[in-house]
Amino acid sequence: MPGPGYLTASASKIIVFIVAQTPQQRKANEKYAKSEAAKRGKGKTATKQKQNSKSPVSTGWVVVLAFAVCGGLAFEALRIVPELWSAAIEMFNRKLA
């Protein structure tokens, strides 16, 4: 004969029905689970360390890409700055004269 929580429909079939836990059973189950967890020690989630994620692109390629993107701007600024200085000096000289 099956234990509590089972209802036999025939000799070949067993129908399972769910019995709700009482607060006392729930409390006892939680206490038991805590004691079992303490016996086993810390779980994997508690001791899991953060894995260092390595970039798929090397530092050298990042530098090359940064130079390609920003280097053009730097060279353009170096070309424009002397023109700007000469224009500023001309305006200053016109106001003085």
PDB file of N, CA and C in Angstrom:
ATOM      1  N   MET A   1       0.851  -1.188   0.000  1.00  0.00           N
ATOM      2  CA  MET A   1       0.000   0.000   0.000  1.00  0.00           C
ATOM      3  C   MET A   1       0.885   1.235   0.000  1.00  0.00           C
ATOM      4  N   PRO A   2       0.647   2.185  -0.869  1.00  0.00           N
ATOM      5  CA  PRO A   2       1.440   3.418  -0.905  1.00  0.00           C
ATOM      6  C   PRO A   2       1.230   4.251   0.349  1.00  0.00           C
ATOM      7  N   GLY A   3       2.212   5.134   0.605  1.00  0.00           N
ATOM      8  CA  GLY A   3       2.149   5.990   1.785  1.00  0.00           C
ATOM      9  C   GLY A   3       1.195   7.147   1.586  1.00  0.00           C
ATOM     10  N   PRO A   4       1.179   8.088   2.544  1.00  0.00           N
ATOM     11  CA  PRO A   4       0.289   9.238   2.421  1.00  0.00           C
ATOM     12  C   PRO A   4       0.664  10.073   1.200  1.00  0.00           C
ATOM     13  N   GLY A   5      -0.320  10.636   0.567  1.00  0.00           N
ATOM     14  CA  GLY A   5      -0.084  11.427  -0.632  1.00  0.00           C
ATOM     15  C   GLY A   5      -0.327  10.645  -1.899  1.00  0.00           C
ATOM     16  N   TYR A   6      -0.689   9.377  -1.797  1.00  0.00           N
ATOM     17  CA  TYR A   6      -0.954   8.552  -2.971  1.00  0.00           C
ATOM     18  C   TYR A   6      -2.370   8.002  -2.898  1.00  0.00           C
ATOM     19  N   LEU A   7      -2.970   7.897  -4.025  1.00  0.00           N
ATOM     20  CA  LEU A   7      -4.306   7.330  -4.134  1.00  0.00           C
ATOM     21  C   LEU A   7      -4.247   6.314  -5.256  1.00  0.00           C
ATOM     22  N   THR A   8      -4.557   5.073  -4.959  1.00  0.00           N
ATOM     23  CA  THR A   8      -4.483   4.041  -5.997  1.00  0.00           C
ATOM     24  C   THR A   8      -5.789   3.988  -6.764  1.00  0.00           C
ATOM     25  N   ALA A   9      -5.682   4.081  -8.088  1.00  0.00           N
ATOM     26  CA  ALA A   9      -6.855   3.996  -8.943  1.00  0.00           C
ATOM     27  C   ALA A   9      -7.071   2.561  -9.393  1.00  0.00           C
ATOM     28  N   SER A  10      -5.991   1.878  -9.629  1.00  0.00           N
ATOM     29  CA  SER A  10      -6.062   0.469 -10.003  1.00  0.00           C
ATOM     30  C   SER A  10      -4.731  -0.158  -9.636  1.00  0.00           C
ATOM     31  N   ALA A  11      -4.562  -1.395  -9.948  1.00  0.00           N
ATOM     32  CA  ALA A  11      -3.331  -2.093  -9.597  1.00  0.00           C
ATOM     33  C   ALA A  11      -2.151  -1.572 -10.408  1.00  0.00           C
ATOM     34  N   SER A  12      -2.377  -1.034 -11.613  1.00  0.00           N
ATOM     35  CA  SER A  12      -1.277  -0.591 -12.462  1.00  0.00           C
ATOM     36  C   SER A  12      -1.071   0.919 -12.458  1.00  0.00           C
ATOM     37  N   LYS A  13      -2.006   1.699 -11.925  1.00  0.00           N
ATOM     38  CA  LYS A  13      -1.905   3.150 -11.944  1.00  0.00           C
ATOM     39  C   LYS A  13      -1.871   3.697 -10.526  1.00  0.00           C
ATOM     40  N   ILE A  14      -1.002   4.695 -10.314  1.00  0.00           N
ATOM     41  CA  ILE A  14      -0.949   5.397  -9.037  1.00  0.00           C
ATOM     42  C   ILE A  14      -1.133   6.874  -9.334  1.00  0.00           C
ATOM     43  N   ILE A  15      -2.084   7.494  -8.713  1.00  0.00           N
ATOM     44  CA  ILE A  15      -2.362   8.910  -8.901  1.00  0.00           C
ATOM     45  C   ILE A  15      -1.792   9.656  -7.703  1.00  0.00           C
ATOM     46  N   VAL A  16      -1.002  10.690  -7.967  1.00  0.00           N
ATOM     47  CA  VAL A  16      -0.366  11.465  -6.911  1.00  0.00           C
ATOM     48  C   VAL A  16      -1.177  12.728  -6.690  1.00  0.00           C
ATOM     49  N   PHE A  17      -1.469  13.030  -5.444  1.00  0.00           N
ATOM     50  CA  PHE A  17      -2.086  14.303  -5.125  1.00  0.00           C
ATOM     51  C   PHE A  17      -1.206  15.011  -4.117  1.00  0.00           C
ATOM     52  N   ILE A  18      -1.192  16.326  -4.176  1.00  0.00           N
ATOM     53  CA  ILE A  18      -0.284  17.136  -3.379  1.00  0.00           C
ATOM     54  C   ILE A  18      -0.938  17.481  -2.052  1.00  0.00           C
ATOM     55  N   VAL A  19      -0.162  17.256  -0.992  1.00  0.00           N
ATOM     56  CA  VAL A  19      -0.613  17.608   0.344  1.00  0.00           C
ATOM     57  C   VAL A  19       0.131  18.875   0.744  1.00  0.00           C
ATOM     58  N   ALA A  20      -0.588  19.903   1.151  1.00  0.00           N
ATOM     59  CA  ALA A  20       0.029  21.166   1.545  1.00  0.00           C
ATOM     60  C   ALA A  20       0.795  20.992   2.848  1.00  0.00           C
ATOM     61  N   GLN A  21       1.926  21.697   2.962  1.00  0.00           N
ATOM     62  CA  GLN A  21       2.720  21.646   4.189  1.00  0.00           C
ATOM     63  C   GLN A  21       2.077  22.515   5.255  1.00  0.00           C
ATOM     64  N   THR A  22       2.163  22.029   6.462  1.00  0.00           N
ATOM     65  CA  THR A  22       1.730  22.858   7.584  1.00  0.00           C
ATOM     66  C   THR A  22       2.886  23.769   7.957  1.00  0.00           C
ATOM     67  N   PRO A  23       2.639  24.853   8.668  1.00  0.00           N
ATOM     68  CA  PRO A  23       3.738  25.723   9.090  1.00  0.00           C
ATOM     69  C   PRO A  23       4.789  24.981   9.914  1.00  0.00           C
ATOM     70  N   GLN A  24       4.360  24.007  10.710  1.00  0.00           N
ATOM     71  CA  GLN A  24       5.324  23.232  11.512  1.00  0.00           C
ATOM     72  C   GLN A  24       6.222  22.397  10.606  1.00  0.00           C
ATOM     73  N   GLN A  25       5.640  21.772   9.592  1.00  0.00           N
ATOM     74  CA  GLN A  25       6.437  20.976   8.665  1.00  0.00           C
ATOM     75  C   GLN A  25       7.416  21.860   7.898  1.00  0.00           C
ATOM     76  N   ARG A  26       6.932  23.014   7.457  1.00  0.00           N
ATOM     77  CA  ARG A  26       7.779  23.937   6.704  1.00  0.00           C
ATOM     78  C   ARG A  26       8.967  24.377   7.550  1.00  0.00           C
ATOM     79  N   LYS A  27       8.709  24.713   8.816  1.00  0.00           N
ATOM     80  CA  LYS A  27       9.764  25.145   9.726  1.00  0.00           C
ATOM     81  C   LYS A  27      10.777  24.021   9.949  1.00  0.00           C
ATOM     82  N   ALA A  28      10.265  22.803  10.132  1.00  0.00           N
ATOM     83  CA  ALA A  28      11.152  21.655  10.338  1.00  0.00           C
ATOM     84  C   ALA A  28      11.986  21.392   9.088  1.00  0.00           C
ATOM     85  N   ASN A  29      11.382  21.513   7.912  1.00  0.00           N
ATOM     86  CA  ASN A  29      12.123  21.304   6.662  1.00  0.00           C
ATOM     87  C   ASN A  29      13.221  22.350   6.479  1.00  0.00           C
ATOM     88  N   GLU A  30      12.927  23.604   6.796  1.00  0.00           N
ATOM     89  CA  GLU A  30      13.936  24.658   6.692  1.00  0.00           C
ATOM     90  C   GLU A  30      15.083  24.416   7.657  1.00  0.00           C
ATOM     91  N   LYS A  31      14.764  23.991   8.869  1.00  0.00           N
ATOM     92  CA  LYS A  31      15.795  23.707   9.870  1.00  0.00           C
ATOM     93  C   LYS A  31      16.683  22.561   9.395  1.00  0.00           C
ATOM     94  N   TYR A  32      16.062  21.520   8.852  1.00  0.00           N
ATOM     95  CA  TYR A  32      16.814  20.376   8.356  1.00  0.00           C
ATOM     96  C   TYR A  32      17.700  20.783   7.175  1.00  0.00           C
ATOM     97  N   ALA A  33      17.155  21.599   6.275  1.00  0.00           N
ATOM     98  CA  ALA A  33      17.932  22.041   5.115  1.00  0.00           C
ATOM     99  C   ALA A  33      19.140  22.862   5.550  1.00  0.00           C
ATOM    100  N   LYS A  34      18.969  23.707   6.571  1.00  0.00           N
ATOM    101  CA  LYS A  34      20.094  24.498   7.076  1.00  0.00           C
ATOM    102  C   LYS A  34      21.162  23.607   7.687  1.00  0.00           C
ATOM    103  N   SER A  35      20.738  22.601   8.452  1.00  0.00           N
ATOM    104  CA  SER A  35      21.726  21.719   9.081  1.00  0.00           C
ATOM    105  C   SER A  35      22.467  20.903   8.029  1.00  0.00           C
ATOM    106  N   GLU A  36      21.770  20.464   6.981  1.00  0.00           N
ATOM    107  CA  GLU A  36      22.426  19.715   5.911  1.00  0.00           C
ATOM    108  C   GLU A  36      23.395  20.598   5.134  1.00  0.00           C
ATOM    109  N   ALA A  37      23.008  21.845   4.906  1.00  0.00           N
ATOM    110  CA  ALA A  37      23.896  22.773   4.200  1.00  0.00           C
ATOM    111  C   ALA A  37      25.142  23.045   5.029  1.00  0.00           C
ATOM    112  N   ALA A  38      24.992  23.137   6.341  1.00  0.00           N
ATOM    113  CA  ALA A  38      26.146  23.366   7.213  1.00  0.00           C
ATOM    114  C   ALA A  38      27.079  22.165   7.190  1.00  0.00           C
ATOM    115  N   LYS A  39      26.536  20.960   7.084  1.00  0.00           N
ATOM    116  CA  LYS A  39      27.368  19.752   7.014  1.00  0.00           C
ATOM    117  C   LYS A  39      28.194  19.737   5.733  1.00  0.00           C
ATOM    118  N   ARG A  40      27.588  20.174   4.637  1.00  0.00           N
ATOM    119  CA  ARG A  40      28.276  20.147   3.343  1.00  0.00           C
ATOM    120  C   ARG A  40      29.275  21.279   3.188  1.00  0.00           C
ATOM    121  N   GLY A  41      29.116  22.330   3.940  1.00  0.00           N
ATOM    122  CA  GLY A  41      29.972  23.496   3.774  1.00  0.00           C
ATOM    123  C   GLY A  41      29.326  24.474   2.821  1.00  0.00           C
ATOM    124  N   LYS A  42      30.102  25.427   2.382  1.00  0.00           N
ATOM    125  CA  LYS A  42      29.565  26.455   1.494  1.00  0.00           C
ATOM    126  C   LYS A  42      29.329  25.881   0.107  1.00  0.00           C
ATOM    127  N   GLY A  43      28.276  26.334  -0.509  1.00  0.00           N
ATOM    128  CA  GLY A  43      27.948  25.891  -1.857  1.00  0.00           C
ATOM    129  C   GLY A  43      28.840  26.556  -2.892  1.00  0.00           C
ATOM    130  N   LYS A  44      28.720  26.120  -4.118  1.00  0.00           N
ATOM    131  CA  LYS A  44      29.549  26.668  -5.197  1.00  0.00           C
ATOM    132  C   LYS A  44      29.257  28.137  -5.451  1.00  0.00           C
ATOM    133  N   THR A  45      28.010  28.541  -5.274  1.00  0.00           N
ATOM    134  CA  THR A  45      27.678  29.936  -5.557  1.00  0.00           C
ATOM    135  C   THR A  45      28.330  30.876  -4.557  1.00  0.00           C
ATOM    136  N   ALA A  46      28.536  30.425  -3.327  1.00  0.00           N
ATOM    137  CA  ALA A  46      29.141  31.286  -2.316  1.00  0.00           C
ATOM    138  C   ALA A  46      30.644  31.437  -2.549  1.00  0.00           C
ATOM    139  N   THR A  47      31.292  30.407  -3.087  1.00  0.00           N
ATOM    140  CA  THR A  47      32.737  30.449  -3.274  1.00  0.00           C
ATOM    141  C   THR A  47      33.131  30.758  -4.714  1.00  0.00           C
ATOM    142  N   LYS A  48      32.161  30.979  -5.567  1.00  0.00           N
ATOM    143  CA  LYS A  48      32.455  31.250  -6.971  1.00  0.00           C
ATOM    144  C   LYS A  48      33.182  32.586  -7.099  1.00  0.00           C
ATOM    145  N   GLN A  49      34.335  32.565  -7.743  1.00  0.00           N
ATOM    146  CA  GLN A  49      35.118  33.783  -7.906  1.00  0.00           C
ATOM    147  C   GLN A  49      34.815  34.403  -9.260  1.00  0.00           C
ATOM    148  N   LYS A  50      34.982  35.713  -9.302  1.00  0.00           N
ATOM    149  CA  LYS A  50      34.744  36.425 -10.550  1.00  0.00           C
ATOM    150  C   LYS A  50      35.826  36.035 -11.549  1.00  0.00           C
ATOM    151  N   GLN A  51      35.390  35.665 -12.715  1.00  0.00           N
ATOM    152  CA  GLN A  51      36.318  35.240 -13.746  1.00  0.00           C
ATOM    153  C   GLN A  51      36.804  36.459 -14.524  1.00  0.00           C
ATOM    154  N   ASN A  52      38.117  36.557 -14.698  1.00  0.00           N
ATOM    155  CA  ASN A  52      38.667  37.671 -15.469  1.00  0.00           C
ATOM    156  C   ASN A  52      38.318  37.463 -16.933  1.00  0.00           C
ATOM    157  N   SER A  53      37.622  38.415 -17.487  1.00  0.00           N
ATOM    158  CA  SER A  53      37.281  38.312 -18.897  1.00  0.00           C
ATOM    159  C   SER A  53      38.374  39.008 -19.700  1.00  0.00           C
ATOM    160  N   LYS A  54      38.971  38.263 -20.584  1.00  0.00           N
ATOM    161  CA  LYS A  54      40.050  38.802 -21.398  1.00  0.00           C
ATOM    162  C   LYS A  54      39.462  39.362 -22.685  1.00  0.00           C
ATOM    163  N   SER A  55      39.938  40.529 -23.062  1.00  0.00           N
ATOM    164  CA  SER A  55      39.445  41.180 -24.264  1.00  0.00           C
ATOM    165  C   SER A  55      39.850  40.368 -25.490  1.00  0.00           C
ATOM    166  N   PRO A  56      38.968  40.234 -26.464  1.00  0.00           N
ATOM    167  CA  PRO A  56      39.328  39.487 -27.665  1.00  0.00           C
ATOM    168  C   PRO A  56      40.289  40.251 -28.575  1.00  0.00           C
ATOM    169  N   VAL A  57      40.498  41.543 -28.300  1.00  0.00           N
ATOM    170  CA  VAL A  57      41.395  42.365 -29.113  1.00  0.00           C
ATOM    171  C   VAL A  57      42.602  42.737 -28.256  1.00  0.00           C
ATOM    172  N   SER A  58      43.802  42.552 -28.802  1.00  0.00           N
ATOM    173  CA  SER A  58      45.009  42.858 -28.038  1.00  0.00           C
ATOM    174  C   SER A  58      45.194  44.366 -27.891  1.00  0.00           C
ATOM    175  N   THR A  59      46.025  44.744 -26.931  1.00  0.00           N
ATOM    176  CA  THR A  59      46.274  46.157 -26.653  1.00  0.00           C
ATOM    177  C   THR A  59      46.912  46.851 -27.853  1.00  0.00           C
ATOM    178  N   GLY A  60      47.780  46.157 -28.550  1.00  0.00           N
ATOM    179  CA  GLY A  60      48.433  46.739 -29.719  1.00  0.00           C
ATOM    180  C   GLY A  60      47.437  47.149 -30.793  1.00  0.00           C
ATOM    181  N   TRP A  61      46.454  46.289 -31.046  1.00  0.00           N
ATOM    182  CA  TRP A  61      45.444  46.613 -32.054  1.00  0.00           C
ATOM    183  C   TRP A  61      44.555  47.760 -31.601  1.00  0.00           C
ATOM    184  N   VAL A  62      44.309  47.854 -30.310  1.00  0.00           N
ATOM    185  CA  VAL A  62      43.514  48.975 -29.800  1.00  0.00           C
ATOM    186  C   VAL A  62      44.262  50.281 -30.035  1.00  0.00           C
ATOM    187  N   VAL A  63      45.585  50.269 -29.813  1.00  0.00           N
ATOM    188  CA  VAL A  63      46.400  51.470 -30.039  1.00  0.00           C
ATOM    189  C   VAL A  63      46.386  51.846 -31.522  1.00  0.00           C
ATOM    190  N   VAL A  64      46.536  50.861 -32.389  1.00  0.00           N
ATOM    191  CA  VAL A  64      46.520  51.134 -33.833  1.00  0.00           C
ATOM    192  C   VAL A  64      45.171  51.718 -34.249  1.00  0.00           C
ATOM    193  N   LEU A  65      44.098  51.154 -33.744  1.00  0.00           N
ATOM    194  CA  LEU A  65      42.763  51.655 -34.071  1.00  0.00           C
ATOM    195  C   LEU A  65      42.559  53.072 -33.542  1.00  0.00           C
ATOM    196  N   ALA A  66      43.016  53.327 -32.313  1.00  0.00           N
ATOM    197  CA  ALA A  66      42.888  54.673 -31.741  1.00  0.00           C
ATOM    198  C   ALA A  66      43.691  55.681 -32.559  1.00  0.00           C
ATOM    199  N   PHE A  67      44.884  55.285 -32.999  1.00  0.00           N
ATOM    200  CA  PHE A  67      45.690  56.186 -33.824  1.00  0.00           C
ATOM    201  C   PHE A  67      45.006  56.458 -35.158  1.00  0.00           C
ATOM    202  N   ALA A  68      44.421  55.425 -35.743  1.00  0.00           N
ATOM    203  CA  ALA A  68      43.746  55.611 -37.032  1.00  0.00           C
ATOM    204  C   ALA A  68      42.555  56.550 -36.898  1.00  0.00           C
ATOM    205  N   VAL A  69      41.844  56.443 -35.777  1.00  0.00           N
ATOM    206  CA  VAL A  69      40.662  57.283 -35.593  1.00  0.00           C
ATOM    207  C   VAL A  69      41.052  58.684 -35.145  1.00  0.00           C
ATOM    208  N   CYS A  70      41.903  58.765 -34.114  1.00  0.00           N
ATOM    209  CA  CYS A  70      42.232  60.067 -33.518  1.00  0.00           C
ATOM    210  C   CYS A  70      43.466  60.713 -34.133  1.00  0.00           C
ATOM    211  N   GLY A  71      44.310  59.928 -34.772  1.00  0.00           N
ATOM    212  CA  GLY A  71      45.533  60.482 -35.353  1.00  0.00           C
ATOM    213  C   GLY A  71      45.246  61.487 -36.445  1.00  0.00           C
ATOM    214  N   GLY A  72      44.260  61.198 -37.270  1.00  0.00           N
ATOM    215  CA  GLY A  72      43.879  62.138 -38.328  1.00  0.00           C
ATOM    216  C   GLY A  72      43.425  63.461 -37.755  1.00  0.00           C
ATOM    217  N   LEU A  73      42.668  63.400 -36.666  1.00  0.00           N
ATOM    218  CA  LEU A  73      42.235  64.635 -36.009  1.00  0.00           C
ATOM    219  C   LEU A  73      43.429  65.406 -35.454  1.00  0.00           C
ATOM    220  N   ALA A  74      44.380  64.686 -34.875  1.00  0.00           N
ATOM    221  CA  ALA A  74      45.555  65.354 -34.309  1.00  0.00           C
ATOM    222  C   ALA A  74      46.373  66.034 -35.412  1.00  0.00           C
ATOM    223  N   PHE A  75      46.596  65.334 -36.515  1.00  0.00           N
ATOM    224  CA  PHE A  75      47.360  65.935 -37.610  1.00  0.00           C
ATOM    225  C   PHE A  75      46.627  67.134 -38.206  1.00  0.00           C
ATOM    226  N   GLU A  76      45.319  67.053 -38.312  1.00  0.00           N
ATOM    227  CA  GLU A  76      44.542  68.175 -38.838  1.00  0.00           C
ATOM    228  C   GLU A  76      44.629  69.367 -37.892  1.00  0.00           C
ATOM    229  N   ALA A  77      44.581  69.115 -36.589  1.00  0.00           N
ATOM    230  CA  ALA A  77      44.697  70.204 -35.606  1.00  0.00           C
ATOM    231  C   ALA A  77      46.077  70.846 -35.685  1.00  0.00           C
ATOM    232  N   LEU A  78      47.127  70.039 -35.852  1.00  0.00           N
ATOM    233  CA  LEU A  78      48.477  70.593 -35.983  1.00  0.00           C
ATOM    234  C   LEU A  78      48.597  71.451 -37.246  1.00  0.00           C
ATOM    235  N   ARG A  79      47.884  71.087 -38.298  1.00  0.00           N
ATOM    236  CA  ARG A  79      47.927  71.867 -39.534  1.00  0.00           C
ATOM    237  C   ARG A  79      47.162  73.182 -39.371  1.00  0.00           C
ATOM    238  N   ILE A  80      46.050  73.148 -38.643  1.00  0.00           N
ATOM    239  CA  ILE A  80      45.193  74.328 -38.518  1.00  0.00           C
ATOM    240  C   ILE A  80      45.714  75.313 -37.480  1.00  0.00           C
ATOM    241  N   VAL A  81      46.337  74.842 -36.417  1.00  0.00           N
ATOM    242  CA  VAL A  81      46.757  75.724 -35.316  1.00  0.00           C
ATOM    243  C   VAL A  81      47.661  76.856 -35.790  1.00  0.00           C
ATOM    244  N   PRO A  82      48.701  76.624 -36.584  1.00  0.00           N
ATOM    245  CA  PRO A  82      49.514  77.767 -37.038  1.00  0.00           C
ATOM    246  C   PRO A  82      48.702  78.780 -37.845  1.00  0.00           C
ATOM    247  N   GLU A  83      47.763  78.307 -38.643  1.00  0.00           N
ATOM    248  CA  GLU A  83      46.914  79.231 -39.402  1.00  0.00           C
ATOM    249  C   GLU A  83      46.059  80.061 -38.454  1.00  0.00           C
ATOM    250  N   LEU A  84      45.538  79.436 -37.398  1.00  0.00           N
ATOM    251  CA  LEU A  84      44.725  80.163 -36.421  1.00  0.00           C
ATOM    252  C   LEU A  84      45.556  81.197 -35.674  1.00  0.00           C
ATOM    253  N   TRP A  85      46.789  80.816 -35.297  1.00  0.00           N
ATOM    254  CA  TRP A  85      47.652  81.766 -34.588  1.00  0.00           C
ATOM    255  C   TRP A  85      47.974  82.967 -35.473  1.00  0.00           C
ATOM    256  N   SER A  86      48.265  82.684 -36.734  1.00  0.00           N
ATOM    257  CA  SER A  86      48.598  83.812 -37.625  1.00  0.00           C
ATOM    258  C   SER A  86      47.374  84.705 -37.842  1.00  0.00           C
ATOM    259  N   ALA A  87      46.183  84.126 -37.944  1.00  0.00           N
ATOM    260  CA  ALA A  87      44.964  84.930 -38.097  1.00  0.00           C
ATOM    261  C   ALA A  87      44.705  85.747 -36.840  1.00  0.00           C
ATOM    262  N   ALA A  88      44.931  85.168 -35.665  1.00  0.00           N
ATOM    263  CA  ALA A  88      44.711  85.897 -34.411  1.00  0.00           C
ATOM    264  C   ALA A  88      45.698  87.045 -34.278  1.00  0.00           C
ATOM    265  N   ILE A  89      46.941  86.823 -34.657  1.00  0.00           N
ATOM    266  CA  ILE A  89      47.957  87.877 -34.561  1.00  0.00           C
ATOM    267  C   ILE A  89      47.639  89.008 -35.541  1.00  0.00           C
ATOM    268  N   GLU A  90      47.188  88.675 -36.739  1.00  0.00           N
ATOM    269  CA  GLU A  90      46.813  89.707 -37.715  1.00  0.00           C
ATOM    270  C   GLU A  90      45.670  90.566 -37.196  1.00  0.00           C
ATOM    271  N   MET A  91      44.661  89.936 -36.589  1.00  0.00           N
ATOM    272  CA  MET A  91      43.534  90.699 -36.037  1.00  0.00           C
ATOM    273  C   MET A  91      44.004  91.595 -34.898  1.00  0.00           C
ATOM    274  N   PHE A  92      44.893  91.096 -34.075  1.00  0.00           N
ATOM    275  CA  PHE A  92      45.411  91.878 -32.955  1.00  0.00           C
ATOM    276  C   PHE A  92      46.207  93.072 -33.474  1.00  0.00           C
ATOM    277  N   ASN A  93      47.020  92.858 -34.512  1.00  0.00           N
ATOM    278  CA  ASN A  93      47.822  93.939 -35.092  1.00  0.00           C
ATOM    279  C   ASN A  93      46.934  94.991 -35.758  1.00  0.00           C
ATOM    280  N   ARG A  94      45.833  94.595 -36.376  1.00  0.00           N
ATOM    281  CA  ARG A  94      44.921  95.547 -37.008  1.00  0.00           C
ATOM    282  C   ARG A  94      44.285  96.448 -35.967  1.00  0.00           C
ATOM    283  N   LYS A  95      43.941  95.883 -34.809  1.00  0.00           N
ATOM    284  CA  LYS A  95      43.311  96.690 -33.766  1.00  0.00           C
ATOM    285  C   LYS A  95      44.307  97.659 -33.143  1.00  0.00           C
ATOM    286  N   LEU A  96      45.562  97.276 -33.098  1.00  0.00           N
ATOM    287  CA  LEU A  96      46.578  98.162 -32.538  1.00  0.00           C
ATOM    288  C   LEU A  96      46.917  99.286 -33.519  1.00  0.00           C
ATOM    289  N   ALA A  97      46.824  99.024 -34.782  1.00  0.00           N
ATOM    290  CA  ALA A  97      47.229 100.020 -35.776  1.00  0.00           C
ATOM    291  C   ALA A  97      46.179 101.031 -36.084  1.00  0.00           C
TER     292      ALA A  97
END
